[in-house]
Amino acid sequence: MTAPSRYSCQEVVEKLDEYVDRALTSGEIASVEEHLQRCAECACEYRFESNLISEIRAKLRRIDLPPDLMSRISQMIREECDKEGE
């Protein structure tokens, strides 16, 4: 197994959203984690972004949605699909 490539601070900051969402390859994750272990500034940015996303997700879970929202969305999707199939 080869060692992960070293990312620059700019590269890590550009990948933080995907890293937080676990949308990177295992090699990219290893490179980001290696950088975060040695760079306090990027680690601070990661903690900030991770906490922000966690707070947003928590707030979204507390929002009461209209009970028929999913059926209205499904209906709109079906109508759009029917239009495309014509």
Protein backbone atom coordinates (compact mmCIF):
# COMPACT_ATOMS: atom_id res chain seq x y z
CA MET A 1 0.00 0.00 0.00
CA THR A 2 1.37 3.40 -0.92
CA ALA A 3 1.50 6.34 1.47
CA PRO A 4 -1.21 8.97 0.98
CA SER A 5 -0.17 12.04 -0.98
CA ARG A 6 0.27 15.22 1.01
CA TYR A 7 -2.44 17.76 0.37
CA SER A 8 -1.88 21.50 0.62
CA CYS A 9 -4.09 23.61 2.87
CA GLN A 10 -5.97 24.86 -0.19
CA GLU A 11 -6.64 21.31 -1.39
CA VAL A 12 -7.90 20.26 2.05
CA VAL A 13 -10.20 23.28 2.36
CA GLU A 14 -11.61 22.53 -1.10
CA LYS A 15 -12.34 18.93 -0.03
CA LEU A 16 -13.77 19.62 3.44
CA ASP A 17 -17.43 19.50 2.38
CA GLU A 18 -16.95 16.14 0.72
CA TYR A 19 -14.84 14.93 3.65
CA VAL A 20 -17.53 15.84 6.17
CA ASP A 21 -20.11 14.05 3.99
CA ARG A 22 -17.76 11.04 3.55
CA ALA A 23 -17.97 11.47 -0.23
CA LEU A 24 -14.24 11.01 -0.90
CA THR A 25 -12.31 7.92 -1.87
CA SER A 26 -10.44 6.09 0.88
CA GLY A 27 -7.16 7.52 -0.46
CA GLU A 28 -8.51 11.07 -0.39
CA ILE A 29 -9.85 10.55 3.14
CA ALA A 30 -6.44 9.31 4.27
CA SER A 31 -4.73 12.34 2.70
CA VAL A 32 -7.15 14.79 4.28
CA GLU A 33 -6.83 13.11 7.71
CA GLU A 34 -3.04 13.11 7.46
CA HIS A 35 -3.11 16.84 6.72
CA LEU A 36 -5.58 17.58 9.52
CA GLN A 37 -3.31 15.81 12.00
CA ARG A 38 -0.39 18.08 11.18
CA CYS A 39 -2.13 21.39 10.39
CA ALA A 40 -3.88 23.12 13.29
CA GLU A 41 -5.42 25.80 11.07
CA CYS A 42 -7.09 23.30 8.75
CA ALA A 43 -8.15 21.15 11.71
CA CYS A 44 -9.84 24.22 13.19
CA GLU A 45 -11.60 24.90 9.87
CA TYR A 46 -12.72 21.25 9.76
CA ARG A 47 -14.12 21.41 13.31
CA PHE A 48 -15.98 24.62 12.48
CA GLU A 49 -17.49 23.19 9.28
CA SER A 50 -18.34 19.87 10.88
CA ASN A 51 -20.06 21.58 13.84
CA LEU A 52 -21.94 23.93 11.51
CA ILE A 53 -23.28 21.07 9.41
CA SER A 54 -24.26 19.13 12.54
CA GLU A 55 -26.17 22.14 13.86
CA ILE A 56 -27.95 22.67 10.53
CA ARG A 57 -28.95 19.00 10.37
CA ALA A 58 -30.24 19.15 13.95
CA LYS A 59 -32.34 22.23 13.17
CA LEU A 60 -33.74 20.65 10.01
CA ARG A 61 -34.89 17.61 12.00
CA ARG A 62 -36.93 19.92 14.24
CA ILE A 63 -38.87 21.54 11.38
CA ASP A 64 -42.46 20.39 11.10
CA LEU A 65 -43.27 19.67 7.48
CA PRO A 66 -46.78 19.71 6.07
CA PRO A 67 -48.16 16.16 6.33
CA ASP A 68 -48.90 15.95 2.59
CA LEU A 69 -45.53 17.30 1.42
CA MET A 70 -44.12 13.94 0.30
CA SER A 71 -47.24 13.05 -1.67
CA ARG A 72 -47.22 16.47 -3.39
CA ILE A 73 -43.53 16.08 -4.29
CA SER A 74 -44.13 12.54 -5.59
CA GLN A 75 -47.04 13.79 -7.68
CA MET A 76 -44.91 16.58 -9.17
CA ILE A 77 -42.15 14.10 -10.03
CA ARG A 78 -44.65 11.76 -11.70
CA GLU A 79 -46.07 14.65 -13.73
CA GLU A 80 -42.58 15.72 -14.86
CA CYS A 81 -41.70 12.15 -15.81
CA ASP A 82 -44.94 11.85 -17.78
CA LYS A 83 -44.10 15.10 -19.65
CA GLU A 84 -40.65 13.78 -20.55
CA GLY A 85 -42.12 10.49 -21.77
CA GLU A 86 -44.47 12.19 -24.25
